[in-house]
Amino acid sequence: EPISSEHLHQAVSVNDEDLLVRILQGGHVKVDVPNKFGFTALMVAAQKGYTRLVKILVSNGTDVNLKNGSGKDSLMLACYAGHLDVVKYLRRHGASWQARDLGGCTALHWAADGGHCSVIEWMIKDGCEVDVVDTGSGWTPLMRVSAVSGSQRVASLLIDAGANVNVKDRNGKTPLMSVVSLLEERKKKQRPKKSCVC
């Protein structure tokens, strides 16, 4: 059976370093061919935290800045999943903090959504802009945390790094207003339903 891109993606999905090297050395498969979901082998390896496979793919010429159908690149996927070693490696090999997905979000937005403080901390030390605004809703990473997860640890980390707590989104809401809305929604969901006693 001839070697195909399916073999490449299978090797990555099961973290088979030896098979990946053999496939790439064979020269019959392009390293950046996407799978049926639009993910390159690098995107899958980055998302799963397979640092050794990421290094092999990069050394074989994969493009670290390619994007999937929703505009996410390997760096965004690694940030969301919390794989700091992969994030550092991709940055050293040309991945950009400024890249945006189709919703206008950057890697820091995705790291904040993932809730991985060690990744966020390193990103900020590496020069990632803490108040970067997405081009969709006009939210900073702090606003996303405030409106979506409510993670106190991530919010504190962003605030300690200088995130603007008074910035407003396109609807005029600040992070505090978003937290209040989130807490009200959670409170509604936790209220016991009143039952009728007959």
C-alpha atoms as a PDB file:
ATOM      1  CA  GLU A   1       0.000   0.000   0.000  1.00  0.00           C
ATOM      2  CA  PRO A   2       1.487   3.377  -0.983  1.00  0.00           C
ATOM      3  CA  ILE A   3       2.173   5.920   1.743  1.00  0.00           C
ATOM      4  CA  SER A   4      -0.464   8.676   1.841  1.00  0.00           C
ATOM      5  CA  SER A   5      -1.353  11.729   3.872  1.00  0.00           C
ATOM      6  CA  GLU A   6      -3.665   9.496   5.915  1.00  0.00           C
ATOM      7  CA  HIS A   7      -0.600   7.600   7.134  1.00  0.00           C
ATOM      8  CA  LEU A   8       1.043  10.905   8.102  1.00  0.00           C
ATOM      9  CA  HIS A   9      -1.985  11.967  10.122  1.00  0.00           C
ATOM     10  CA  GLN A  10      -2.349   8.518  11.683  1.00  0.00           C
ATOM     11  CA  ALA A  11       1.290   8.612  12.840  1.00  0.00           C
ATOM     12  CA  VAL A  12       0.711  11.989  14.486  1.00  0.00           C
ATOM     13  CA  SER A  13      -2.618  11.057  16.066  1.00  0.00           C
ATOM     14  CA  VAL A  14      -1.050   8.054  17.836  1.00  0.00           C
ATOM     15  CA  ASN A  15       2.207   9.905  18.653  1.00  0.00           C
ATOM     16  CA  ASP A  16       4.336   7.467  16.615  1.00  0.00           C
ATOM     17  CA  GLU A  17       7.650   9.252  16.188  1.00  0.00           C
ATOM     18  CA  ASP A  18       9.392   6.470  14.238  1.00  0.00           C
ATOM     19  CA  LEU A  19       6.565   6.099  11.724  1.00  0.00           C
ATOM     20  CA  LEU A  20       6.381   9.872  11.245  1.00  0.00           C
ATOM     21  CA  VAL A  21      10.107  10.066  10.494  1.00  0.00           C
ATOM     22  CA  ARG A  22       9.896   7.157   8.013  1.00  0.00           C
ATOM     23  CA  ILE A  23       6.947   8.760   6.207  1.00  0.00           C
ATOM     24  CA  LEU A  24       8.669  12.145   5.970  1.00  0.00           C
ATOM     25  CA  GLN A  25      11.976  10.609   4.846  1.00  0.00           C
ATOM     26  CA  GLY A  26      10.115   8.748   2.094  1.00  0.00           C
ATOM     27  CA  GLY A  27       9.319  12.092   0.488  1.00  0.00           C
ATOM     28  CA  HIS A  28       5.962  11.003  -0.940  1.00  0.00           C
ATOM     29  CA  VAL A  29       3.751  13.059   1.389  1.00  0.00           C
ATOM     30  CA  LYS A  30       3.648  16.825   1.738  1.00  0.00           C
ATOM     31  CA  VAL A  31       4.174  17.775   5.369  1.00  0.00           C
ATOM     32  CA  ASP A  32       1.437  20.446   5.372  1.00  0.00           C
ATOM     33  CA  VAL A  33      -1.396  18.469   3.782  1.00  0.00           C
ATOM     34  CA  PRO A  34      -4.514  18.917   5.967  1.00  0.00           C
ATOM     35  CA  ASN A  35      -6.618  16.062   7.310  1.00  0.00           C
ATOM     36  CA  LYS A  36     -10.362  15.771   6.619  1.00  0.00           C
ATOM     37  CA  PHE A  37     -11.030  18.350   9.364  1.00  0.00           C
ATOM     38  CA  GLY A  38      -8.660  20.925   7.857  1.00  0.00           C
ATOM     39  CA  PHE A  39      -5.879  20.426  10.418  1.00  0.00           C
ATOM     40  CA  THR A  40      -2.259  19.973   9.391  1.00  0.00           C
ATOM     41  CA  ALA A  41      -0.123  17.389  11.193  1.00  0.00           C
ATOM     42  CA  LEU A  42       1.543  20.251  13.081  1.00  0.00           C
ATOM     43  CA  MET A  43      -1.811  21.560  14.300  1.00  0.00           C
ATOM     44  CA  VAL A  44      -2.744  18.140  15.669  1.00  0.00           C
ATOM     45  CA  ALA A  45       0.662  17.615  17.302  1.00  0.00           C
ATOM     46  CA  ALA A  46       0.546  21.118  18.837  1.00  0.00           C
ATOM     47  CA  GLN A  47      -2.988  20.634  20.141  1.00  0.00           C
ATOM     48  CA  LYS A  48      -2.098  17.277  21.714  1.00  0.00           C
ATOM     49  CA  GLY A  49       1.187  18.526  23.171  1.00  0.00           C
ATOM     50  CA  TYR A  50       3.423  16.150  21.217  1.00  0.00           C
ATOM     51  CA  THR A  51       6.548  18.307  21.469  1.00  0.00           C
ATOM     52  CA  ARG A  52       8.893  15.794  19.812  1.00  0.00           C
ATOM     53  CA  LEU A  53       6.548  15.443  16.823  1.00  0.00           C
ATOM     54  CA  VAL A  54       6.254  19.231  16.580  1.00  0.00           C
ATOM     55  CA  LYS A  55      10.055  19.448  16.382  1.00  0.00           C
ATOM     56  CA  ILE A  56      10.214  16.741  13.689  1.00  0.00           C
ATOM     57  CA  LEU A  57       7.520  18.439  11.603  1.00  0.00           C
ATOM     58  CA  VAL A  58       9.164  21.871  11.903  1.00  0.00           C
ATOM     59  CA  SER A  59      12.575  20.439  10.982  1.00  0.00           C
ATOM     60  CA  ASN A  60      10.913  18.931   7.895  1.00  0.00           C
ATOM     61  CA  GLY A  61       9.666  22.295   6.692  1.00  0.00           C
ATOM     62  CA  THR A  62       6.107  22.571   7.978  1.00  0.00           C
ATOM     63  CA  ASP A  63       4.653  26.093   7.957  1.00  0.00           C
ATOM     64  CA  VAL A  64       4.052  27.122  11.588  1.00  0.00           C
ATOM     65  CA  ASN A  65       1.678  29.888  10.500  1.00  0.00           C
ATOM     66  CA  LEU A  66      -0.812  27.866   8.432  1.00  0.00           C
ATOM     67  CA  LYS A  67      -4.438  28.168   9.592  1.00  0.00           C
ATOM     68  CA  ASN A  68      -7.356  25.758   9.698  1.00  0.00           C
ATOM     69  CA  GLY A  69     -10.886  26.484   8.442  1.00  0.00           C
ATOM     70  CA  SER A  70     -11.722  28.673  11.448  1.00  0.00           C
ATOM     71  CA  GLY A  71      -8.476  30.606  11.095  1.00  0.00           C
ATOM     72  CA  LYS A  72      -6.662  29.037  14.040  1.00  0.00           C
ATOM     73  CA  ASP A  73      -2.974  28.268  13.746  1.00  0.00           C
ATOM     74  CA  SER A  74      -0.858  25.757  15.663  1.00  0.00           C
ATOM     75  CA  LEU A  75       0.173  28.360  18.249  1.00  0.00           C
ATOM     76  CA  MET A  76      -3.452  29.157  19.127  1.00  0.00           C
ATOM     77  CA  LEU A  77      -4.261  25.463  19.488  1.00  0.00           C
ATOM     78  CA  ALA A  78      -1.244  24.849  21.744  1.00  0.00           C
ATOM     79  CA  CYS A  79      -2.080  27.917  23.870  1.00  0.00           C
ATOM     80  CA  TYR A  80      -5.685  26.810  24.366  1.00  0.00           C
ATOM     81  CA  ALA A  81      -4.585  23.289  25.300  1.00  0.00           C
ATOM     82  CA  GLY A  82      -1.900  24.569  27.696  1.00  0.00           C
ATOM     83  CA  HIS A  83       1.187  23.012  26.113  1.00  0.00           C
ATOM     84  CA  LEU A  84       3.871  25.491  27.159  1.00  0.00           C
ATOM     85  CA  ASP A  85       6.829  23.591  25.644  1.00  0.00           C
ATOM     86  CA  VAL A  86       5.083  23.553  22.266  1.00  0.00           C
ATOM     87  CA  VAL A  87       4.170  27.247  22.570  1.00  0.00           C
ATOM     88  CA  LYS A  88       7.798  28.187  23.286  1.00  0.00           C
ATOM     89  CA  TYR A  89       9.085  26.060  20.410  1.00  0.00           C
ATOM     90  CA  LEU A  90       6.592  27.477  17.898  1.00  0.00           C
ATOM     91  CA  ARG A  91       7.482  31.033  18.955  1.00  0.00           C
ATOM     92  CA  ARG A  92      11.197  30.316  18.449  1.00  0.00           C
ATOM     93  CA  HIS A  93      10.341  29.098  14.947  1.00  0.00           C
ATOM     94  CA  GLY A  94       8.323  32.058  13.714  1.00  0.00           C
ATOM     95  CA  ALA A  95       4.791  31.728  15.119  1.00  0.00           C
ATOM     96  CA  SER A  96       3.264  35.152  15.759  1.00  0.00           C
ATOM     97  CA  TRP A  97       1.302  36.614  18.671  1.00  0.00           C
ATOM     98  CA  GLN A  98      -0.421  38.936  16.177  1.00  0.00           C
ATOM     99  CA  ALA A  99      -2.099  36.194  14.103  1.00  0.00           C
ATOM    100  CA  ARG A 100      -5.903  36.195  14.321  1.00  0.00           C
ATOM    101  CA  ASP A 101      -8.553  33.572  13.708  1.00  0.00           C
ATOM    102  CA  LEU A 102     -11.757  34.277  11.759  1.00  0.00           C
ATOM    103  CA  GLY A 103     -13.378  35.721  14.907  1.00  0.00           C
ATOM    104  CA  GLY A 104     -10.470  38.131  15.325  1.00  0.00           C
ATOM    105  CA  CYS A 105      -9.019  36.351  18.370  1.00  0.00           C
ATOM    106  CA  THR A 106      -5.304  35.927  19.042  1.00  0.00           C
ATOM    107  CA  ALA A 107      -3.349  33.212  20.836  1.00  0.00           C
ATOM    108  CA  LEU A 108      -3.735  35.122  24.132  1.00  0.00           C
ATOM    109  CA  HIS A 109      -7.525  35.050  23.807  1.00  0.00           C
ATOM    110  CA  TRP A 110      -7.307  31.279  23.310  1.00  0.00           C
ATOM    111  CA  ALA A 111      -4.876  30.808  26.215  1.00  0.00           C
ATOM    112  CA  ALA A 112      -7.260  32.773  28.454  1.00  0.00           C
ATOM    113  CA  ASP A 113     -10.179  30.608  27.286  1.00  0.00           C
ATOM    114  CA  GLY A 114      -8.128  27.496  28.056  1.00  0.00           C
ATOM    115  CA  GLY A 115      -7.342  28.809  31.538  1.00  0.00           C
ATOM    116  CA  HIS A 116      -3.664  27.865  31.508  1.00  0.00           C
ATOM    117  CA  CYS A 117      -1.909  30.396  33.748  1.00  0.00           C
ATOM    118  CA  SER A 118       1.622  29.141  33.081  1.00  0.00           C
ATOM    119  CA  VAL A 119       1.111  29.644  29.339  1.00  0.00           C
ATOM    120  CA  ILE A 120      -0.452  33.098  29.802  1.00  0.00           C
ATOM    121  CA  GLU A 121       2.339  34.164  32.155  1.00  0.00           C
ATOM    122  CA  TRP A 122       5.025  33.125  29.674  1.00  0.00           C
ATOM    123  CA  MET A 123       3.196  34.741  26.751  1.00  0.00           C
ATOM    124  CA  ILE A 124       3.104  38.086  28.535  1.00  0.00           C
ATOM    125  CA  LYS A 125       6.806  37.816  29.467  1.00  0.00           C
ATOM    126  CA  ASP A 126       7.505  37.050  25.803  1.00  0.00           C
ATOM    127  CA  GLY A 127       5.904  40.339  24.773  1.00  0.00           C
ATOM    128  CA  CYS A 128       2.332  39.347  24.034  1.00  0.00           C
ATOM    129  CA  GLU A 129       0.022  42.364  24.359  1.00  0.00           C
ATOM    130  CA  VAL A 130      -2.207  41.849  27.427  1.00  0.00           C
ATOM    131  CA  ASP A 131      -5.018  44.131  26.198  1.00  0.00           C
ATOM    132  CA  VAL A 132      -5.179  42.908  22.598  1.00  0.00           C
ATOM    133  CA  VAL A 133      -8.729  43.409  21.310  1.00  0.00           C
ATOM    134  CA  ASP A 134     -10.451  40.829  19.126  1.00  0.00           C
ATOM    135  CA  THR A 135     -11.887  42.251  15.923  1.00  0.00           C
ATOM    136  CA  GLY A 136     -15.243  40.513  16.372  1.00  0.00           C
ATOM    137  CA  SER A 137     -16.800  41.586  19.672  1.00  0.00           C
ATOM    138  CA  GLY A 138     -14.108  44.041  20.719  1.00  0.00           C
ATOM    139  CA  TRP A 139     -13.134  41.926  23.730  1.00  0.00           C
ATOM    140  CA  THR A 140      -9.748  41.761  25.414  1.00  0.00           C
ATOM    141  CA  PRO A 141      -8.639  38.448  26.976  1.00  0.00           C
ATOM    142  CA  LEU A 142      -9.790  39.803  30.379  1.00  0.00           C
ATOM    143  CA  MET A 143     -13.241  40.495  28.947  1.00  0.00           C
ATOM    144  CA  ARG A 144     -13.466  36.955  27.541  1.00  0.00           C
ATOM    145  CA  VAL A 145     -12.519  35.472  30.906  1.00  0.00           C
ATOM    146  CA  SER A 146     -15.035  37.741  32.633  1.00  0.00           C
ATOM    147  CA  ALA A 147     -17.852  36.872  30.227  1.00  0.00           C
ATOM    148  CA  VAL A 148     -17.175  33.197  29.568  1.00  0.00           C
ATOM    149  CA  SER A 149     -15.275  31.234  32.219  1.00  0.00           C
ATOM    150  CA  GLY A 150     -15.150  33.584  35.176  1.00  0.00           C
ATOM    151  CA  SER A 151     -11.753  32.139  36.140  1.00  0.00           C
ATOM    152  CA  GLN A 152     -10.466  34.195  39.043  1.00  0.00           C
ATOM    153  CA  ARG A 153      -6.894  32.909  38.612  1.00  0.00           C
ATOM    154  CA  VAL A 154      -6.711  33.915  34.949  1.00  0.00           C
ATOM    155  CA  ALA A 155      -8.396  37.274  35.586  1.00  0.00           C
ATOM    156  CA  SER A 156      -5.970  38.038  38.444  1.00  0.00           C
ATOM    157  CA  LEU A 157      -2.991  37.102  36.292  1.00  0.00           C
ATOM    158  CA  LEU A 158      -4.141  39.380  33.458  1.00  0.00           C
ATOM    159  CA  ILE A 159      -4.896  42.260  35.846  1.00  0.00           C
ATOM    160  CA  ASP A 160      -1.499  41.857  37.563  1.00  0.00           C
ATOM    161  CA  ALA A 161       0.086  42.029  34.092  1.00  0.00           C
ATOM    162  CA  GLY A 162      -1.594  45.385  33.470  1.00  0.00           C
ATOM    163  CA  ALA A 163      -4.888  44.484  31.783  1.00  0.00           C
ATOM    164  CA  ASN A 164      -7.239  47.466  31.683  1.00  0.00           C
ATOM    165  CA  VAL A 165     -10.222  46.712  33.934  1.00  0.00           C
ATOM    166  CA  ASN A 166     -12.144  49.733  32.647  1.00  0.00           C
ATOM    167  CA  VAL A 167     -11.939  49.035  28.918  1.00  0.00           C
ATOM    168  CA  LYS A 168     -15.347  48.746  27.216  1.00  0.00           C
ATOM    169  CA  ASP A 169     -16.441  46.391  24.459  1.00  0.00           C
ATOM    170  CA  ARG A 170     -18.585  47.343  21.467  1.00  0.00           C
ATOM    171  CA  ASN A 171     -21.688  47.241  23.690  1.00  0.00           C
ATOM    172  CA  GLY A 172     -20.171  49.504  26.347  1.00  0.00           C
ATOM    173  CA  LYS A 173     -19.635  46.666  28.871  1.00  0.00           C
ATOM    174  CA  THR A 174     -16.557  46.502  31.090  1.00  0.00           C
ATOM    175  CA  PRO A 175     -15.069  43.240  32.421  1.00  0.00           C
ATOM    176  CA  LEU A 176     -16.801  43.863  35.779  1.00  0.00           C
ATOM    177  CA  MET A 177     -20.182  44.190  34.076  1.00  0.00           C
ATOM    178  CA  SER A 178     -19.527  40.923  32.256  1.00  0.00           C
ATOM    179  CA  VAL A 179     -18.622  39.122  35.492  1.00  0.00           C
ATOM    180  CA  VAL A 180     -21.831  40.341  37.130  1.00  0.00           C
ATOM    181  CA  SER A 181     -23.862  39.061  34.157  1.00  0.00           C
ATOM    182  CA  LEU A 182     -22.053  35.712  34.275  1.00  0.00           C
ATOM    183  CA  LEU A 183     -22.676  35.337  38.012  1.00  0.00           C
ATOM    184  CA  GLU A 184     -26.355  36.215  37.593  1.00  0.00           C
ATOM    185  CA  GLU A 185     -26.697  33.549  34.884  1.00  0.00           C
ATOM    186  CA  ARG A 186     -24.997  30.941  37.068  1.00  0.00           C
ATOM    187  CA  LYS A 187     -27.213  31.880  40.003  1.00  0.00           C
ATOM    188  CA  LYS A 188     -30.356  31.406  37.885  1.00  0.00           C
ATOM    189  CA  LYS A 189     -29.179  27.946  36.825  1.00  0.00           C
ATOM    190  CA  GLN A 190     -28.484  26.920  40.431  1.00  0.00           C
ATOM    191  CA  ARG A 191     -31.858  27.940  41.841  1.00  0.00           C
ATOM    192  CA  PRO A 192     -33.972  24.918  42.677  1.00  0.00           C
ATOM    193  CA  LYS A 193     -37.102  24.677  40.634  1.00  0.00           C
ATOM    194  CA  LYS A 194     -40.233  25.290  42.670  1.00  0.00           C
ATOM    195  CA  SER A 195     -42.493  22.321  42.760  1.00  0.00           C
ATOM    196  CA  CYS A 196     -46.165  22.325  43.431  1.00  0.00           C
ATOM    197  CA  VAL A 197     -47.308  20.483  46.538  1.00  0.00           C
ATOM    198  CA  CYS A 198     -50.860  19.246  46.123  1.00  0.00           C
END
